Protein backbone atom coordinates (compact mmCIF):
# COMPACT_ATOMS: atom_id res chain seq x y z
CA UNK A 1 98.56 94.20 78.29
CA UNK A 2 95.55 92.39 76.91
CA UNK A 3 93.96 94.65 74.30
CA UNK A 4 90.52 94.06 75.82
CA UNK A 5 91.72 95.63 79.07
CA UNK A 6 92.18 98.93 77.22
CA UNK A 7 88.55 99.23 76.21
CA UNK A 8 87.03 102.64 76.95
CA UNK A 9 83.37 102.91 75.94
CA UNK A 10 83.70 106.68 75.44
CA UNK A 11 86.46 106.14 72.90
CA UNK A 12 85.55 102.81 71.32
CA UNK A 13 87.89 101.55 68.61
CA UNK A 14 89.30 103.31 65.55
CA UNK A 15 89.86 101.37 62.35
CA UNK A 16 92.75 103.72 61.63
CA UNK A 17 94.15 105.64 64.64
CA UNK A 18 95.22 108.43 62.26
CA UNK A 19 92.09 108.22 60.13
CA UNK A 20 90.76 111.45 58.65
CA UNK A 21 87.91 112.25 56.30
CA UNK A 22 85.86 109.16 55.54
CA UNK A 23 87.69 107.15 58.23
CA UNK A 24 87.34 109.75 60.98
CA UNK A 25 85.55 108.48 64.06
CA UNK A 26 82.55 110.42 65.34
CA UNK A 27 82.75 111.87 68.87
CA UNK A 28 81.16 109.95 71.73
CA UNK A 29 77.46 110.48 72.31
CA UNK A 30 75.67 108.82 75.20
CA UNK A 31 72.46 107.04 74.17
CA UNK A 32 71.80 105.85 77.70
CA UNK A 33 71.47 102.45 79.33
CA UNK A 34 67.69 102.05 79.41
CA UNK A 35 66.18 98.56 79.17
CA UNK A 36 63.23 98.76 76.79
CA UNK A 37 59.94 96.90 77.07
CA UNK A 38 60.12 93.82 74.79
CA UNK A 39 56.54 94.45 73.62
CA UNK A 40 57.96 96.72 70.91
CA UNK A 41 58.97 93.51 69.12
CA UNK A 42 55.54 91.87 69.06
CA UNK A 43 52.86 94.39 70.00
CA UNK A 44 50.32 95.30 67.32
CA UNK A 45 49.85 98.64 69.08
CA UNK A 46 53.57 99.43 68.79
CA UNK A 47 53.51 98.29 65.17
CA UNK A 48 50.73 100.80 64.48
CA UNK A 49 52.72 103.55 66.19
CA UNK A 50 55.72 102.76 64.01
CA UNK A 51 53.55 103.03 60.91
CA UNK A 52 52.13 106.38 61.98
CA UNK A 53 55.32 107.92 63.39
CA UNK A 54 58.12 106.34 61.35
CA UNK A 55 57.22 104.58 58.10
CA UNK A 56 54.91 107.35 56.87
CA UNK A 57 57.24 110.13 58.02
CA UNK A 58 60.79 109.14 57.04
CA UNK A 59 62.64 108.88 53.75
CA UNK A 60 62.63 105.25 52.56
CA UNK A 61 65.09 103.70 50.13
CA UNK A 62 63.30 102.13 47.16
CA UNK A 63 65.77 100.81 44.57
CA UNK A 64 68.86 101.42 42.46
CA UNK A 65 68.28 104.32 40.07
CA UNK A 66 69.26 102.02 37.19
CA UNK A 67 66.23 99.83 37.90
CA UNK A 68 64.12 102.44 36.09
CA UNK A 69 66.44 103.88 33.40
CA UNK A 70 64.00 104.52 30.52
CA UNK A 71 60.83 106.55 30.13
CA UNK A 72 57.91 104.32 31.10
CA UNK A 73 59.97 102.01 33.34
CA UNK A 74 58.43 101.50 36.78
CA UNK A 75 59.24 99.92 40.13
CA UNK A 76 56.58 98.71 42.57
CA UNK A 77 57.72 99.49 46.13
CA UNK A 78 55.79 97.56 48.77
CA UNK A 79 56.12 98.85 52.31
CA UNK A 80 53.80 97.61 55.04
CA UNK A 81 50.21 98.18 53.98
CA UNK A 82 51.15 100.45 51.07
CA UNK A 83 52.26 99.92 47.50
CA UNK A 84 53.94 102.86 45.78
CA UNK A 85 54.73 103.07 42.08
CA UNK A 86 57.84 104.92 40.94
CA UNK A 87 57.88 105.57 37.20
CA UNK A 88 60.22 107.46 34.91
CA UNK A 89 58.17 110.15 33.16
CA UNK A 90 61.08 111.80 31.30
CA UNK A 91 64.83 111.46 30.97
CA UNK A 92 65.25 113.81 33.94
CA UNK A 93 62.24 113.07 36.12
CA UNK A 94 60.75 110.30 38.22
CA UNK A 95 57.22 110.33 39.61
CA UNK A 96 55.91 108.36 42.55
CA UNK A 97 52.23 107.56 43.18
CA UNK A 98 50.22 105.53 45.62
CA UNK A 99 49.34 102.38 43.70
CA UNK A 100 45.60 102.98 43.81
CA UNK A 101 42.95 104.14 41.35
CA UNK A 102 41.05 107.25 42.56
CA UNK A 103 37.79 105.75 41.24
CA UNK A 104 37.22 102.71 43.49
CA UNK A 105 40.63 102.00 45.03
CA UNK A 106 41.78 99.18 42.76
CA UNK A 107 45.51 98.40 42.76
CA UNK A 108 46.78 99.64 39.40
CA UNK A 109 49.99 97.61 39.07
CA UNK A 110 50.78 94.17 40.48
CA UNK A 111 54.16 93.44 38.84
CA UNK A 112 57.42 94.16 40.66
CA UNK A 113 58.93 96.03 37.71
CA UNK A 114 58.18 96.67 34.07
CA UNK A 115 57.31 99.19 31.36
CA UNK A 116 54.15 101.19 30.62
CA UNK A 117 53.17 103.71 27.98
CA UNK A 118 50.42 104.86 30.29
CA UNK A 119 48.90 103.74 33.59
CA UNK A 120 45.58 101.94 33.33
CA UNK A 121 43.08 100.49 35.78
CA UNK A 122 42.07 96.86 35.23
CA UNK A 123 38.68 97.38 36.94
CA UNK A 124 36.92 100.13 34.93
CA UNK A 125 39.55 101.18 32.36
CA UNK A 126 40.35 104.61 33.75
CA UNK A 127 43.75 105.70 32.41
CA UNK A 128 46.49 108.12 33.46
CA UNK A 129 49.64 109.54 31.87
CA UNK A 130 53.11 109.06 33.35
CA UNK A 131 52.69 112.24 35.39
CA UNK A 132 49.60 110.73 37.03
CA UNK A 133 47.13 112.99 35.24
CA UNK A 134 43.78 111.40 34.36
CA UNK A 135 43.47 110.88 30.61
CA UNK A 136 40.16 109.08 30.31
CA UNK A 137 37.10 108.03 32.26
CA UNK A 138 34.98 105.26 30.77
CA UNK A 139 31.41 106.48 30.09
CA UNK A 140 32.28 109.88 31.48
CA UNK A 141 28.86 111.25 30.55
CA UNK A 142 27.24 109.07 33.24
CA UNK A 143 29.07 110.89 36.03
CA UNK A 144 27.49 114.03 37.47
CA UNK A 145 29.59 117.19 37.26
CA UNK A 146 29.66 117.37 41.04
CA UNK A 147 31.58 114.06 41.00
CA UNK A 148 33.94 114.94 38.17
CA UNK A 149 34.96 118.17 39.86
CA UNK A 150 36.85 116.11 42.45
CA UNK A 151 40.52 115.25 41.85
CA UNK A 152 40.67 112.45 39.26
CA UNK A 153 44.47 112.24 39.18
CA UNK A 154 46.74 109.78 40.95
CA UNK A 155 47.89 110.68 44.46
CA UNK A 156 51.53 111.71 44.35
CA UNK A 157 54.30 110.72 46.74
CA UNK A 158 57.45 112.75 47.30
CA UNK A 159 60.37 111.19 45.41
CA UNK A 160 64.08 112.05 45.03
CA UNK A 161 67.29 110.52 43.69
CA UNK A 162 70.40 110.52 45.87
CA UNK A 163 73.57 108.42 46.15
CA UNK A 164 72.57 106.23 43.19
CA UNK A 165 69.28 105.21 44.81
CA UNK A 166 65.62 106.22 44.49
CA UNK A 167 63.95 107.40 47.71
CA UNK A 168 60.36 108.20 48.66
CA UNK A 169 58.62 109.68 51.66
CA UNK A 170 54.91 109.77 52.43
CA UNK A 171 55.55 112.91 54.47
CA UNK A 172 54.68 115.92 52.30
CA UNK A 173 56.51 118.24 54.72
CA UNK A 174 59.80 116.30 54.73
CA UNK A 175 62.99 118.13 53.81
CA UNK A 176 65.37 116.86 51.14
CA UNK A 177 66.75 113.35 51.37
CA UNK A 178 70.38 114.51 51.33
CA UNK A 179 69.71 116.71 54.35
CA UNK A 180 68.15 113.69 56.04
CA UNK A 181 71.16 111.48 55.30
CA UNK A 182 73.67 114.09 56.48
CA UNK A 183 77.37 113.09 56.12
CA UNK A 184 76.35 109.59 55.01
CA UNK A 185 75.21 111.04 51.66
CA UNK A 186 78.72 112.16 50.77
CA UNK A 187 80.23 108.88 51.95
CA UNK A 188 77.81 106.89 49.77
CA UNK A 189 78.46 109.19 46.79
CA UNK A 190 82.08 108.06 46.87
CA UNK A 191 81.06 104.57 45.75
CA UNK A 192 79.37 105.84 42.57
CA UNK A 193 76.42 103.50 43.00
CA UNK A 194 74.79 105.13 39.97
CA UNK A 195 77.40 103.20 37.94
CA UNK A 196 76.29 99.89 39.44
CA UNK A 197 73.53 97.52 38.36
CA UNK A 198 71.50 95.01 40.35
CA UNK A 199 72.71 91.51 39.48
CA UNK A 200 70.77 89.62 42.17
CA UNK A 201 67.56 90.36 44.06
CA UNK A 202 66.14 88.11 46.78
CA UNK A 203 63.09 88.74 48.96
CA UNK A 204 62.53 86.34 51.86
CA UNK A 205 59.89 86.17 54.60
CA UNK A 206 61.29 85.70 58.12
CA UNK A 207 59.41 84.77 61.29
CA UNK A 208 60.51 87.71 63.41
CA UNK A 209 59.91 91.40 63.94
CA UNK A 210 61.78 93.60 61.46
CA UNK A 211 63.84 95.10 64.30
CA UNK A 212 64.93 91.64 65.46
CA UNK A 213 66.29 91.06 61.97
CA UNK A 214 67.90 94.48 61.62
CA UNK A 215 69.71 94.22 64.93
CA UNK A 216 71.55 91.05 63.90
CA UNK A 217 73.09 93.00 61.01
CA UNK A 218 73.96 96.01 63.16
CA UNK A 219 76.66 94.29 65.25
CA UNK A 220 79.55 91.84 64.97
CA UNK A 221 79.31 90.70 68.59
CA UNK A 222 77.63 87.43 67.54
CA UNK A 223 80.11 86.43 64.83
CA UNK A 224 82.39 84.25 66.97
CA UNK A 225 79.39 82.25 68.22
CA UNK A 226 77.06 82.05 65.23
CA UNK A 227 79.57 82.40 62.37
CA UNK A 228 82.87 80.89 63.64
CA UNK A 229 84.07 80.41 60.04
CA UNK A 230 84.54 84.20 59.81
CA UNK A 231 87.12 84.38 62.60
CA UNK A 232 90.26 83.86 60.54
CA UNK A 233 89.31 86.38 57.85
CA UNK A 234 87.69 89.35 59.63
CA UNK A 235 87.86 91.25 62.89
CA UNK A 236 84.75 91.18 65.07
CA UNK A 237 85.95 93.01 68.20
CA UNK A 238 88.11 95.94 67.07
CA UNK A 239 85.28 97.45 65.04
CA UNK A 240 84.82 101.20 64.64
CA UNK A 241 81.27 102.41 65.25
CA UNK A 242 80.05 105.87 64.18
CA UNK A 243 76.74 107.62 64.79
CA UNK A 244 75.21 110.71 63.20
CA UNK A 245 71.95 112.65 63.50
CA UNK A 246 68.62 111.19 62.31
CA UNK A 247 69.65 107.68 63.29
CA UNK A 248 72.43 107.31 60.70
CA UNK A 249 75.29 105.03 61.72
CA UNK A 250 78.21 102.97 60.49
CA UNK A 251 80.55 100.20 61.45
CA UNK A 252 83.92 99.58 59.77
CA UNK A 253 84.71 95.86 59.82
CA UNK A 254 88.36 95.01 59.05
CA UNK A 255 88.76 92.23 56.49
CA UNK A 256 91.87 90.10 55.78
CA UNK A 257 92.79 90.14 59.44
CA UNK A 258 91.86 87.44 61.95
CA UNK A 259 89.79 88.27 65.01
CA UNK A 260 91.69 89.06 68.20
CA UNK A 261 90.01 85.92 69.51
CA UNK A 262 92.38 83.89 67.26
CA UNK A 263 95.72 82.79 68.70
CA UNK A 264 97.59 83.20 65.42
CA UNK A 265 96.89 86.52 63.73
CA UNK A 266 99.93 86.67 61.43
CA UNK A 267 100.38 83.37 59.59
CA UNK A 268 98.72 83.09 56.18
CA UNK A 269 95.62 80.90 56.56
CA UNK A 270 93.19 79.32 54.10
CA UNK A 271 90.92 82.40 54.13
CA UNK A 272 93.87 84.65 53.32
CA UNK A 273 94.90 82.36 50.46
CA UNK A 274 91.33 82.44 49.14
CA UNK A 275 91.30 86.27 49.16
CA UNK A 276 94.74 86.45 47.50
CA UNK A 277 93.64 84.11 44.72
CA UNK A 278 90.43 86.07 44.31
CA UNK A 279 92.35 89.14 43.06
CA UNK A 280 94.79 87.11 40.97
CA UNK A 281 97.71 86.69 43.39
CA UNK A 282 99.16 83.17 43.55
CA UNK A 283 98.91 82.07 47.17
CA UNK A 284 101.30 79.10 46.81
CA UNK A 285 104.24 81.37 46.05
CA UNK A 286 103.30 84.02 48.59
CA UNK A 287 105.86 84.39 51.38
CA UNK A 288 104.55 87.29 53.48
CA UNK A 289 102.35 87.33 56.55
CA UNK A 290 98.68 88.38 56.79
CA UNK A 291 99.55 92.08 57.11
CA UNK A 292 101.63 91.80 53.93
CA UNK A 293 98.79 89.94 52.20
CA UNK A 294 96.29 92.70 52.97
CA UNK A 295 98.66 95.33 51.59
CA UNK A 296 99.30 93.20 48.49
CA UNK A 297 95.55 92.86 47.85
CA UNK A 298 95.10 96.62 48.23
CA UNK A 299 97.97 97.26 45.79
CA UNK A 300 96.56 94.72 43.32
CA UNK A 301 93.17 96.45 43.40
CA UNK A 302 94.84 99.79 42.68
CA UNK A 303 96.68 98.21 39.72
CA UNK A 304 93.36 96.86 38.39
CA UNK A 305 91.81 100.30 38.86
CA UNK A 306 94.52 101.94 36.75
CA UNK A 307 94.12 99.34 34.01
CA UNK A 308 90.33 99.79 33.78
CA UNK A 309 90.20 103.46 34.78
CA UNK A 310 88.05 102.80 37.85
CA UNK A 311 89.25 105.80 39.86
CA UNK A 312 90.17 103.90 43.02
CA UNK A 313 92.44 106.78 44.04
CA UNK A 314 89.32 108.22 45.70
CA UNK A 315 89.38 105.33 48.18
CA UNK A 316 91.55 104.86 51.24
CA UNK A 317 93.38 101.55 51.57
CA UNK A 318 90.83 100.45 54.15
CA UNK A 319 87.95 101.10 51.75
CA UNK A 320 89.57 98.75 49.24
CA UNK A 321 89.46 95.78 51.58
CA UNK A 322 87.34 96.46 54.69
CA UNK A 323 83.56 96.54 54.91
CA UNK A 324 82.09 100.00 55.48
CA UNK A 325 78.54 99.22 56.59
CA UNK A 326 76.16 102.18 56.72
CA UNK A 327 72.85 102.14 58.56
CA UNK A 328 70.09 104.45 57.33
CA UNK A 329 67.17 104.90 59.72
CA UNK A 330 64.77 103.27 59.89
CA UNK A 331 65.47 100.01 58.05
CA UNK A 332 68.55 99.97 55.84
CA UNK A 333 72.02 98.44 55.93
CA UNK A 334 74.37 99.17 53.01
CA UNK A 335 77.62 97.20 52.92
CA UNK A 336 79.98 99.23 50.73
CA UNK A 337 82.90 97.96 48.65
CA UNK A 338 84.52 99.38 45.49
CA UNK A 339 83.24 96.49 43.35
CA UNK A 340 79.69 96.69 44.60
CA UNK A 341 77.35 97.25 47.51
CA UNK A 342 75.06 94.92 49.43
CA UNK A 343 71.70 96.53 50.13
CA UNK A 344 69.56 95.07 52.92
CA UNK A 345 66.03 96.39 53.46
CA UNK A 346 64.15 95.17 56.54
CA UNK A 347 60.52 95.59 55.56
CA UNK A 348 57.62 95.26 58.00
CA UNK A 349 54.86 92.76 57.33
CA UNK A 350 51.53 94.49 56.52
CA UNK A 351 49.65 92.99 59.48
CA UNK A 352 51.85 90.73 61.61
CA UNK A 353 54.45 92.37 63.92
CA UNK A 354 56.28 89.04 64.19
CA UNK A 355 57.08 88.69 60.50
CA UNK A 356 59.25 90.76 58.17
CA UNK A 357 60.64 90.70 54.64
CA UNK A 358 64.38 90.80 54.08
CA UNK A 359 64.87 92.38 50.68
CA UNK A 360 68.45 91.94 49.48
CA UNK A 361 70.12 93.24 46.34
CA UNK A 362 73.69 92.98 45.13
CA UNK A 363 74.58 96.13 43.20
CA UNK A 364 77.66 95.44 41.07
CA UNK A 365 79.88 97.60 38.90
CA UNK A 366 80.29 95.52 35.76
CA UNK A 367 83.61 95.92 33.94
CA UNK A 368 84.69 93.93 30.90
CA UNK A 369 88.11 92.40 31.37
CA UNK A 370 89.62 89.11 32.52
CA UNK A 371 91.39 90.60 35.54
CA UNK A 372 88.23 92.22 36.88
CA UNK A 373 85.89 89.68 38.42
CA UNK A 374 83.01 89.57 40.84
CA UNK A 375 84.58 89.07 44.30
CA UNK A 376 83.88 85.49 45.37
CA UNK A 377 82.83 86.65 48.85
CA UNK A 378 79.75 88.26 47.26
CA UNK A 379 78.34 84.75 47.11
CA UNK A 380 76.71 84.99 43.68
CA UNK A 381 75.43 81.68 42.26
CA UNK A 382 77.51 80.43 39.33
CA UNK A 383 74.74 81.00 36.78
CA UNK A 384 74.27 84.67 37.72
CA UNK A 385 74.33 87.11 34.80
CA UNK A 386 76.96 89.61 35.95
CA UNK A 387 76.91 91.81 32.85
CA UNK A 388 74.37 94.24 34.30
CA UNK A 389 72.58 94.30 30.94
CA UNK A 390 69.48 92.45 32.17
CA UNK A 391 67.75 93.37 35.42
CA UNK A 392 67.06 90.06 37.21
CA UNK A 393 63.62 89.22 38.54
CA UNK A 394 63.00 89.15 42.27
CA UNK A 395 63.45 85.67 43.73
CA UNK A 396 60.94 85.05 46.53
CA UNK A 397 61.32 82.71 49.50
CA UNK A 398 58.44 82.00 51.85
CA UNK A 399 58.70 81.60 55.62
CA UNK A 400 60.61 78.50 56.65
CA UNK A 401 62.49 78.30 53.32
CA UNK A 402 66.23 78.85 53.38
CA UNK A 403 66.98 81.92 51.28
CA UNK A 404 69.84 81.19 48.89
CA UNK A 405 72.00 83.97 50.33
CA UNK A 406 75.11 82.08 51.35
CA UNK A 407 76.09 80.29 54.54
CA UNK A 408 76.27 83.34 56.85
CA UNK A 409 72.78 84.60 56.07
CA UNK A 410 71.35 81.11 56.18
CA UNK A 411 72.74 80.76 59.68
CA UNK A 412 71.06 84.05 60.62
CA UNK A 413 67.78 82.95 59.07
CA UNK A 414 67.78 79.84 61.26
CA UNK A 415 68.66 81.70 64.47
CA UNK A 416 66.56 84.87 64.32
CA UNK A 417 63.12 83.17 64.63
CA UNK A 418 64.35 81.62 67.91
CA UNK A 419 65.41 85.05 69.13
CA UNK A 420 61.91 86.31 68.35
CA UNK A 421 60.37 83.43 70.30
CA UNK A 422 62.56 84.19 73.30
CA UNK A 423 61.70 87.89 73.24
CA UNK A 424 58.06 86.89 73.86
CA UNK A 425 58.92 85.00 77.05
CA UNK A 426 57.72 86.38 80.38
CA UNK A 427 61.25 85.77 81.58
CA UNK A 428 62.76 88.26 79.13
CA UNK A 429 62.91 91.73 80.66
CA UNK A 430 64.43 93.61 77.73
CA UNK A 431 67.77 93.64 75.91
CA UNK A 432 71.05 94.41 77.69
CA UNK A 433 73.26 95.92 74.97
CA UNK A 434 77.03 96.14 75.15
CA UNK A 435 79.00 98.94 73.52
CA UNK A 436 79.71 96.51 70.67
CA UNK A 437 75.96 96.84 70.05
CA UNK A 438 76.00 100.65 70.14
CA UNK A 439 74.39 100.91 66.72
CA UNK A 440 71.36 99.05 68.08
CA UNK A 441 71.05 101.36 71.09
CA UNK A 442 71.39 104.38 68.81
CA UNK A 443 68.67 102.94 66.58
CA UNK A 444 66.24 102.58 69.50
CA UNK A 445 67.18 106.04 70.76
CA UNK A 446 66.10 107.43 67.38
CA UNK A 447 63.04 105.17 67.24
CA UNK A 448 61.86 106.36 70.67
CA UNK A 449 62.45 109.99 69.72
CA UNK A 450 60.13 109.56 66.74
CA UNK A 451 57.50 107.50 68.56
CA UNK A 452 57.30 110.01 71.41
CA UNK A 453 57.29 113.08 69.14
């Protein structure tokens, strides 16, 4: 029987039919079949609702914790109309502040990252310590006491560290970030992201709503059409999808296995040879089939782990080779692999609902040794410093420029603006999502719940 004929939307697909623990599939939950008004993708009114009900209420992922390792190191997180400074005030503590001087509202810091002994205002020289406390007011004697009795300190933002990342929320009443993440927190912990360093950081401006961009990363349904070169190296149909509370989700995408759309799913192909060579296995002398190749690559990674004491015994075989892609509501996709994680942040434009920033970082676990290399599929440019000793600057691409993110993302960057244009058409009545796009429906289910709350 054709495998497609066995599809049951209440069961979906399991990456491992006997999978337990990290591979266990979540039970079915019905998120409905509603067709939503397309205005949510271009309406300024809906954009304002998202700001009020989502962006200022939820936990937001800022950066890798190793981006601010030393006292005085800071990271400037720009989200919509806000800029928030996260700064290390001691070996144990981080502080987060709105990037604004309490005197006249001047932005205090304009750089993306850096180091400060203290925080100073470039307008009237007010200064603050790393805890945000006001240290000096220029010509203080000219201020009346009734003015100085107001709060002169920086406005704090709630900040926590979890899963190797720094998180903030503008909601003073929010619970802890680990509670917000739920089971996803433990799954991310397993990758020890706190041991990884950012080796590439790209920020690109796209002509589309942030949700239009996010949705393309939340499904594999489009791969056979938009990215046909992926068909002989990864499955796009038999993909496990999981959903948890608070809009958390996941898809497990099998690698080193051709799509069921391919006629030959067993013979070693060029993609398989490429992946064998990438871990140091000679493909010319290899005599097995694709299933054997996947098992050989998994075994080779375990051998490398033992040699460099990487602790890969904490991973299942699938985690060694497949892509475990976690979605964190509202705007995050984290593609997890033992060697590193891809972090995608879909950031809203400050004023235009039909533009967004795709902020992409490759977080890599650097290990010294000839047998341990950056996986070629990470797509790092040849001149990339992979040592993790120097935090790279952010590379910016303006709208219309192709972001240097590899072929797949370049294809997406060309297509997504056309999707946004079509969404605006009077002929478009709202998306019709398949169960392969369940993560998208779950996302909008959570979005609506927050908007209507």
